[in-house]
N, C-alpha and C. Protein backbone atom coordinates (compact mmCIF):
# COMPACT_ATOMS: atom_id res chain seq x y z
N MET A 1 141.38 118.98 85.68
CA MET A 1 142.28 120.25 85.59
C MET A 1 142.10 120.67 84.15
N ASN A 2 142.03 122.06 84.04
CA ASN A 2 141.98 122.64 82.64
C ASN A 2 143.20 123.59 82.57
N ASP A 3 144.09 123.23 81.61
CA ASP A 3 145.31 124.09 81.50
C ASP A 3 145.09 125.11 80.38
N ARG A 4 143.99 125.26 79.94
CA ARG A 4 143.66 126.23 78.86
C ARG A 4 143.42 127.67 79.44
N SER A 5 144.03 128.56 78.72
CA SER A 5 143.86 130.05 79.08
C SER A 5 142.40 130.43 78.71
N ARG A 6 141.68 131.35 79.27
CA ARG A 6 140.51 131.65 79.10
C ARG A 6 140.09 133.14 79.49
N VAL A 7 139.04 133.58 79.12
CA VAL A 7 138.51 134.95 79.54
C VAL A 7 137.26 134.68 80.41
N VAL A 8 137.04 135.32 81.47
CA VAL A 8 135.81 135.20 82.32
C VAL A 8 135.07 136.59 81.98
N ARG A 9 134.06 136.63 81.33
CA ARG A 9 133.28 137.79 80.90
C ARG A 9 132.71 138.43 81.97
N SER A 10 132.59 139.71 81.96
CA SER A 10 131.84 140.50 83.00
C SER A 10 130.62 141.18 82.31
N GLU A 11 129.53 141.24 83.19
CA GLU A 11 128.46 142.07 82.67
C GLU A 11 127.91 142.94 83.85
N GLU A 12 128.24 144.27 84.02
CA GLU A 12 127.85 145.17 84.91
C GLU A 12 128.20 144.57 86.43
N PHE A 13 129.55 144.39 86.64
CA PHE A 13 130.04 144.00 87.93
C PHE A 13 129.50 142.51 88.38
N ARG A 14 129.14 141.72 87.36
CA ARG A 14 128.94 140.15 87.64
C ARG A 14 129.64 139.45 86.61
N TRP A 15 130.18 138.29 86.92
CA TRP A 15 131.00 137.69 85.96
C TRP A 15 130.20 136.44 85.48
N VAL A 16 130.13 136.26 84.25
CA VAL A 16 129.36 135.09 83.61
C VAL A 16 129.72 133.68 84.09
N GLY A 17 128.86 132.99 84.60
CA GLY A 17 129.21 131.59 84.98
C GLY A 17 129.83 131.53 86.33
N VAL A 18 130.02 132.55 87.02
CA VAL A 18 130.63 132.58 88.25
C VAL A 18 129.55 132.77 89.48
N PRO A 19 129.24 131.82 90.32
CA PRO A 19 128.18 132.00 91.18
C PRO A 19 128.46 133.17 92.19
N VAL A 20 127.40 133.85 92.47
CA VAL A 20 127.44 134.94 93.54
C VAL A 20 127.09 134.27 94.83
N LEU A 21 128.12 134.48 95.73
CA LEU A 21 128.02 133.61 97.04
C LEU A 21 127.86 134.62 98.14
N PRO A 22 127.35 134.11 99.28
CA PRO A 22 127.22 134.85 100.51
C PRO A 22 128.64 135.17 101.01
N TYR A 23 128.84 136.35 101.55
CA TYR A 23 130.15 136.92 102.00
C TYR A 23 130.77 135.93 102.98
N ARG A 24 130.01 135.66 104.10
CA ARG A 24 130.55 134.90 105.25
C ARG A 24 129.45 134.02 105.86
N ASP A 25 129.74 133.11 106.75
CA ASP A 25 128.80 132.29 107.36
C ASP A 25 128.23 132.95 108.71
N ARG A 26 128.61 134.20 108.96
CA ARG A 26 128.29 134.84 110.17
C ARG A 26 127.47 136.18 109.80
N PRO A 27 126.26 136.00 109.35
CA PRO A 27 125.48 137.15 108.80
C PRO A 27 125.10 138.25 110.00
N ASP A 28 125.29 137.91 111.14
CA ASP A 28 125.08 138.86 112.25
C ASP A 28 126.24 139.85 112.43
N ARG A 29 127.33 139.52 111.70
CA ARG A 29 128.63 140.46 111.69
C ARG A 29 128.82 141.20 110.42
N TYR A 30 128.02 141.27 109.45
CA TYR A 30 128.15 142.00 108.36
C TYR A 30 126.74 142.33 107.79
N GLN A 31 126.75 143.25 106.73
CA GLN A 31 125.53 143.60 106.15
C GLN A 31 125.62 143.94 104.63
N GLY A 32 124.87 143.26 103.83
CA GLY A 32 124.92 143.63 102.39
C GLY A 32 126.19 143.33 101.65
N VAL A 33 126.73 142.23 101.71
CA VAL A 33 128.04 141.79 101.09
C VAL A 33 127.81 140.57 100.43
N VAL A 34 128.17 140.53 99.07
CA VAL A 34 128.27 139.19 98.37
C VAL A 34 129.74 139.12 97.73
N LYS A 35 129.99 138.04 97.31
CA LYS A 35 131.39 137.68 96.54
C LYS A 35 131.24 136.79 95.49
N GLN A 36 132.17 136.93 94.58
CA GLN A 36 132.40 136.07 93.41
C GLN A 36 133.85 135.71 93.40
N VAL A 37 134.26 134.32 93.29
CA VAL A 37 135.57 133.84 93.18
C VAL A 37 135.89 133.78 91.64
N LEU A 38 136.74 134.74 91.15
CA LEU A 38 136.85 134.72 89.69
C LEU A 38 137.79 133.87 89.24
N LEU A 39 139.02 133.65 89.87
CA LEU A 39 140.11 132.97 89.36
C LEU A 39 140.71 132.22 90.62
N GLY A 40 141.08 131.06 90.48
CA GLY A 40 141.85 130.42 91.60
C GLY A 40 141.03 129.60 92.67
N GLY A 41 139.80 129.56 92.42
CA GLY A 41 138.92 128.90 93.34
C GLY A 41 138.43 127.54 93.05
N SER A 42 138.82 127.16 91.82
CA SER A 42 138.19 125.82 91.27
C SER A 42 139.45 124.92 90.86
N GLY A 43 139.14 123.70 90.61
CA GLY A 43 140.06 122.75 90.10
C GLY A 43 140.60 123.27 88.83
N GLU A 44 139.89 123.97 88.00
CA GLU A 44 140.24 124.44 86.75
C GLU A 44 141.54 125.39 86.85
N ASP A 45 141.70 126.12 88.00
CA ASP A 45 142.75 127.02 88.19
C ASP A 45 143.71 126.50 89.07
N GLU A 46 143.88 125.18 89.21
CA GLU A 46 144.69 124.76 90.41
C GLU A 46 146.26 125.12 90.27
N ARG A 47 146.65 125.63 89.05
CA ARG A 47 148.05 126.01 88.90
C ARG A 47 148.28 127.48 89.40
N LEU A 48 147.27 128.18 89.73
CA LEU A 48 147.36 129.53 90.37
C LEU A 48 147.56 129.32 91.85
N SER A 49 148.46 130.23 92.33
CA SER A 49 148.75 130.06 93.80
C SER A 49 148.08 131.14 94.49
N PHE A 50 147.24 131.72 93.93
CA PHE A 50 146.30 132.84 94.56
C PHE A 50 144.87 132.72 93.93
N GLU A 51 143.92 133.53 94.71
CA GLU A 51 142.69 133.58 94.30
C GLU A 51 142.33 135.08 93.97
N THR A 52 141.64 135.38 92.98
CA THR A 52 141.09 136.70 92.71
C THR A 52 139.60 136.63 92.96
N ARG A 53 139.01 137.62 93.92
CA ARG A 53 137.80 137.59 94.35
C ARG A 53 137.16 138.98 94.03
N TYR A 54 135.92 138.98 93.78
CA TYR A 54 135.27 140.37 93.79
C TYR A 54 134.20 140.33 94.86
N PHE A 55 134.17 141.45 95.68
CA PHE A 55 133.29 141.55 96.65
C PHE A 55 132.46 142.88 96.40
N GLU A 56 131.25 142.77 96.67
CA GLU A 56 130.37 144.06 96.43
C GLU A 56 129.50 144.22 97.70
N VAL A 57 129.74 145.52 98.23
CA VAL A 57 128.90 145.89 99.43
C VAL A 57 127.88 146.89 98.96
N GLU A 58 126.66 146.55 99.36
CA GLU A 58 125.56 147.45 99.00
C GLU A 58 125.62 148.79 99.85
N PRO A 59 124.98 149.84 99.31
CA PRO A 59 124.96 151.14 99.94
C PRO A 59 124.57 150.91 101.43
N GLY A 60 125.34 151.56 102.29
CA GLY A 60 125.11 151.35 103.80
C GLY A 60 125.66 150.01 104.43
N GLY A 61 126.08 149.15 103.53
CA GLY A 61 126.53 147.83 104.10
C GLY A 61 128.09 147.85 104.50
N TYR A 62 128.50 146.73 105.10
CA TYR A 62 129.71 146.70 105.64
C TYR A 62 130.32 145.13 105.74
N SER A 63 131.45 145.10 105.64
CA SER A 63 132.01 143.63 105.77
C SER A 63 132.36 143.36 107.28
N MET A 64 132.58 142.27 107.69
CA MET A 64 132.94 141.85 109.14
C MET A 64 134.21 142.65 109.45
N LEU A 65 134.29 143.19 110.65
CA LEU A 65 135.43 143.71 111.25
C LEU A 65 136.39 142.39 111.64
N GLU A 66 137.45 142.08 110.88
CA GLU A 66 138.06 140.81 111.07
C GLU A 66 139.65 141.00 110.94
N ARG A 67 140.17 139.83 111.17
CA ARG A 67 141.63 139.77 111.08
C ARG A 67 141.93 138.30 110.73
N HIS A 68 143.11 138.12 110.11
CA HIS A 68 143.54 136.74 109.67
C HIS A 68 145.04 136.80 109.56
N GLY A 69 145.68 135.62 109.38
CA GLY A 69 147.07 135.60 109.36
C GLY A 69 147.72 135.80 107.91
N HIS A 70 146.87 135.91 106.95
CA HIS A 70 147.50 136.13 105.63
C HIS A 70 147.25 137.65 105.18
N ALA A 71 148.18 138.10 104.38
CA ALA A 71 147.99 139.35 103.72
C ALA A 71 147.08 139.34 102.51
N HIS A 72 146.57 140.51 102.13
CA HIS A 72 145.83 140.50 100.95
C HIS A 72 145.97 141.89 100.34
N ALA A 73 145.76 141.89 99.04
CA ALA A 73 145.76 143.04 98.21
C ALA A 73 144.42 143.51 97.63
N VAL A 74 143.88 144.59 97.71
CA VAL A 74 142.65 145.03 97.26
C VAL A 74 142.75 146.24 96.28
N VAL A 75 142.03 146.15 95.18
CA VAL A 75 141.70 147.16 94.18
C VAL A 75 140.35 147.57 94.13
N VAL A 76 140.01 148.71 94.49
CA VAL A 76 138.58 149.26 94.34
C VAL A 76 138.39 149.56 92.89
N ILE A 77 137.13 148.99 92.45
CA ILE A 77 136.84 149.11 90.94
C ILE A 77 135.38 149.71 90.81
N ARG A 78 134.59 149.94 91.99
CA ARG A 78 133.35 150.46 91.80
C ARG A 78 132.98 151.27 93.02
N GLY A 79 132.32 152.45 92.79
CA GLY A 79 131.71 153.23 93.87
C GLY A 79 132.69 153.88 94.64
N ALA A 80 132.29 154.02 95.98
CA ALA A 80 133.14 154.73 96.99
C ALA A 80 132.78 154.29 98.30
N GLY A 81 133.69 154.38 99.37
CA GLY A 81 133.60 153.93 100.67
C GLY A 81 134.49 154.33 101.50
N SER A 82 134.81 153.45 102.55
CA SER A 82 135.98 153.56 103.42
C SER A 82 136.31 152.22 103.90
N VAL A 83 137.58 152.21 104.33
CA VAL A 83 138.15 151.03 104.93
C VAL A 83 138.80 151.42 106.23
N GLN A 84 138.40 150.60 107.32
CA GLN A 84 139.10 150.72 108.52
C GLN A 84 140.26 149.82 108.60
N LEU A 85 141.48 150.28 108.88
CA LEU A 85 142.84 149.58 108.98
C LEU A 85 143.32 149.79 110.34
N GLU A 86 143.37 148.73 111.18
CA GLU A 86 143.95 148.99 112.56
C GLU A 86 143.41 150.14 113.18
N GLY A 87 142.08 150.39 113.13
CA GLY A 87 141.61 151.41 113.94
C GLY A 87 141.46 152.80 113.19
N ALA A 88 142.12 152.98 112.04
CA ALA A 88 142.10 154.23 111.35
C ALA A 88 141.30 154.06 110.10
N ASP A 89 140.34 155.12 109.82
CA ASP A 89 139.36 155.08 108.74
C ASP A 89 140.01 155.88 107.61
N HIS A 90 139.91 155.32 106.28
CA HIS A 90 140.41 155.81 105.02
C HIS A 90 139.42 155.94 104.01
N ALA A 91 139.09 156.96 103.49
CA ALA A 91 138.20 157.11 102.27
C ALA A 91 138.88 156.32 101.08
N ILE A 92 138.08 155.51 100.36
CA ILE A 92 138.58 154.82 99.22
C ILE A 92 137.60 155.02 97.89
N ARG A 93 138.20 154.96 96.72
CA ARG A 93 137.37 155.15 95.54
C ARG A 93 138.12 154.32 94.44
N PRO A 94 137.49 154.22 93.30
CA PRO A 94 137.97 153.42 92.23
C PRO A 94 139.45 153.66 91.82
N PHE A 95 140.18 152.57 91.72
CA PHE A 95 141.55 152.53 91.54
C PHE A 95 142.52 152.76 92.67
N ASP A 96 141.95 153.01 93.81
CA ASP A 96 142.77 153.00 95.02
C ASP A 96 143.21 151.56 95.41
N CYS A 97 144.34 151.32 95.91
CA CYS A 97 144.80 150.05 96.32
C CYS A 97 144.96 149.99 97.83
N VAL A 98 144.63 148.95 98.35
CA VAL A 98 144.61 148.72 99.86
C VAL A 98 145.60 147.44 100.14
N TYR A 99 146.56 147.63 100.93
CA TYR A 99 147.25 146.45 101.37
C TYR A 99 146.86 146.20 102.88
N VAL A 100 146.43 144.98 103.14
CA VAL A 100 146.05 144.51 104.46
C VAL A 100 147.02 143.65 104.96
N ALA A 101 147.75 144.00 105.96
CA ALA A 101 148.88 143.29 106.51
C ALA A 101 148.34 142.03 107.34
N PRO A 102 149.21 141.13 107.64
CA PRO A 102 148.62 139.88 108.30
C PRO A 102 148.39 140.42 109.70
N ASP A 103 147.20 139.87 110.12
CA ASP A 103 146.68 140.01 111.54
C ASP A 103 146.25 141.48 111.75
N ALA A 104 146.11 142.27 110.68
CA ALA A 104 145.53 143.69 110.85
C ALA A 104 143.96 143.63 110.80
N ALA A 105 143.46 144.21 111.86
CA ALA A 105 141.91 144.35 111.90
C ALA A 105 141.51 145.36 110.82
N HIS A 106 140.43 144.91 110.00
CA HIS A 106 140.05 145.59 108.88
C HIS A 106 138.46 145.44 108.65
N GLN A 107 137.97 146.50 107.96
CA GLN A 107 136.56 146.40 107.57
C GLN A 107 136.37 147.28 106.43
N PHE A 108 135.58 146.87 105.36
CA PHE A 108 135.23 147.64 104.43
C PHE A 108 133.77 148.19 104.40
N ARG A 109 133.38 149.37 104.19
CA ARG A 109 132.18 150.00 104.27
C ARG A 109 131.71 150.66 102.94
N ALA A 110 130.38 150.56 102.63
CA ALA A 110 129.90 151.31 101.55
C ALA A 110 129.11 152.47 102.14
N ASP A 111 129.86 153.52 102.69
CA ASP A 111 129.25 154.47 103.49
C ASP A 111 129.24 155.98 102.70
N ARG A 112 129.36 155.88 101.48
CA ARG A 112 129.33 157.25 100.76
C ARG A 112 128.08 157.24 99.82
N GLY A 113 127.11 156.47 100.07
CA GLY A 113 125.87 156.54 99.22
C GLY A 113 125.79 155.69 97.95
N ALA A 114 126.72 154.81 97.65
CA ALA A 114 126.90 153.98 96.50
C ALA A 114 127.36 152.64 96.96
N ALA A 115 127.23 151.74 96.13
CA ALA A 115 127.84 150.43 96.33
C ALA A 115 129.25 150.54 96.19
N LEU A 116 130.02 149.61 96.90
CA LEU A 116 131.38 149.59 96.80
C LEU A 116 131.76 148.19 96.24
N GLY A 117 132.64 148.11 95.26
CA GLY A 117 133.04 146.92 94.62
C GLY A 117 134.51 146.86 94.57
N PHE A 118 135.14 145.83 95.01
CA PHE A 118 136.64 145.69 94.89
C PHE A 118 137.22 144.27 94.60
N LEU A 119 138.20 144.17 93.97
CA LEU A 119 138.89 142.91 93.78
C LEU A 119 139.80 142.77 94.98
N CYS A 120 139.82 141.48 95.31
CA CYS A 120 140.73 141.11 96.47
C CYS A 120 141.57 139.89 96.14
N ILE A 121 142.84 140.03 96.17
CA ILE A 121 143.71 139.08 95.74
C ILE A 121 144.49 138.38 97.10
N VAL A 122 144.29 137.09 97.29
CA VAL A 122 144.83 136.38 98.38
C VAL A 122 145.53 135.19 98.04
N ASP A 123 146.46 134.63 98.90
CA ASP A 123 147.05 133.28 98.73
C ASP A 123 145.93 132.24 98.67
N ARG A 124 146.06 131.29 97.80
CA ARG A 124 144.98 130.22 97.54
C ARG A 124 144.71 129.52 98.80
N ARG A 125 145.99 129.22 99.39
CA ARG A 125 145.71 128.60 100.70
C ARG A 125 145.98 129.55 101.91
N CYS A 126 144.84 130.02 102.49
CA CYS A 126 144.92 130.91 103.58
C CYS A 126 144.06 130.58 104.77
N ASP A 127 144.28 131.16 105.82
CA ASP A 127 143.48 130.76 107.06
C ASP A 127 142.21 131.38 107.10
N ARG A 128 141.25 131.06 107.88
CA ARG A 128 139.94 131.53 107.99
C ARG A 128 139.87 132.84 108.72
N PRO A 129 139.17 133.87 108.35
CA PRO A 129 139.03 135.08 109.15
C PRO A 129 138.51 134.90 110.52
N ARG A 130 138.77 135.67 111.46
CA ARG A 130 138.21 135.64 112.76
C ARG A 130 137.75 137.05 113.10
N PRO A 131 136.70 137.24 113.85
CA PRO A 131 136.23 138.59 114.38
C PRO A 131 137.53 139.24 115.07
N ALA A 132 137.60 140.59 114.72
CA ALA A 132 138.77 141.41 115.37
C ALA A 132 138.70 141.33 116.81
N ASP A 133 137.50 141.15 117.40
CA ASP A 133 137.50 141.17 118.90
C ASP A 133 137.62 139.98 119.53
N ASP A 134 138.09 138.75 118.77
CA ASP A 134 138.37 137.47 119.39
C ASP A 134 139.81 137.46 119.74
């Protein structure tokens, strides 16, 4: 465990020393999405009760249409796109905030001709997502 404060440096929407990971283990249900777990995802951050993640959706890509039992907060920081929340579509752009309620079906799409990047803050201990149609 590391109790030391620190800065995680960014370079053009990638964070130094933080692996770029596949978005999910179901590539048939999403397109062009990667993530980085910036804070709270390692033993060094075990005192945090939440994770801060960065997701990036390439132009034309989309996340899985999913639901899960935990809520999360999203802040758009790059590009533009849309989010589907419980069947309704909403345009989103930098600095818009999105609250996803527990068990709400949701999907993020980079459907405005640019990549869509957003920070997502969730409880560190949360349930696994499931497809919205399950």
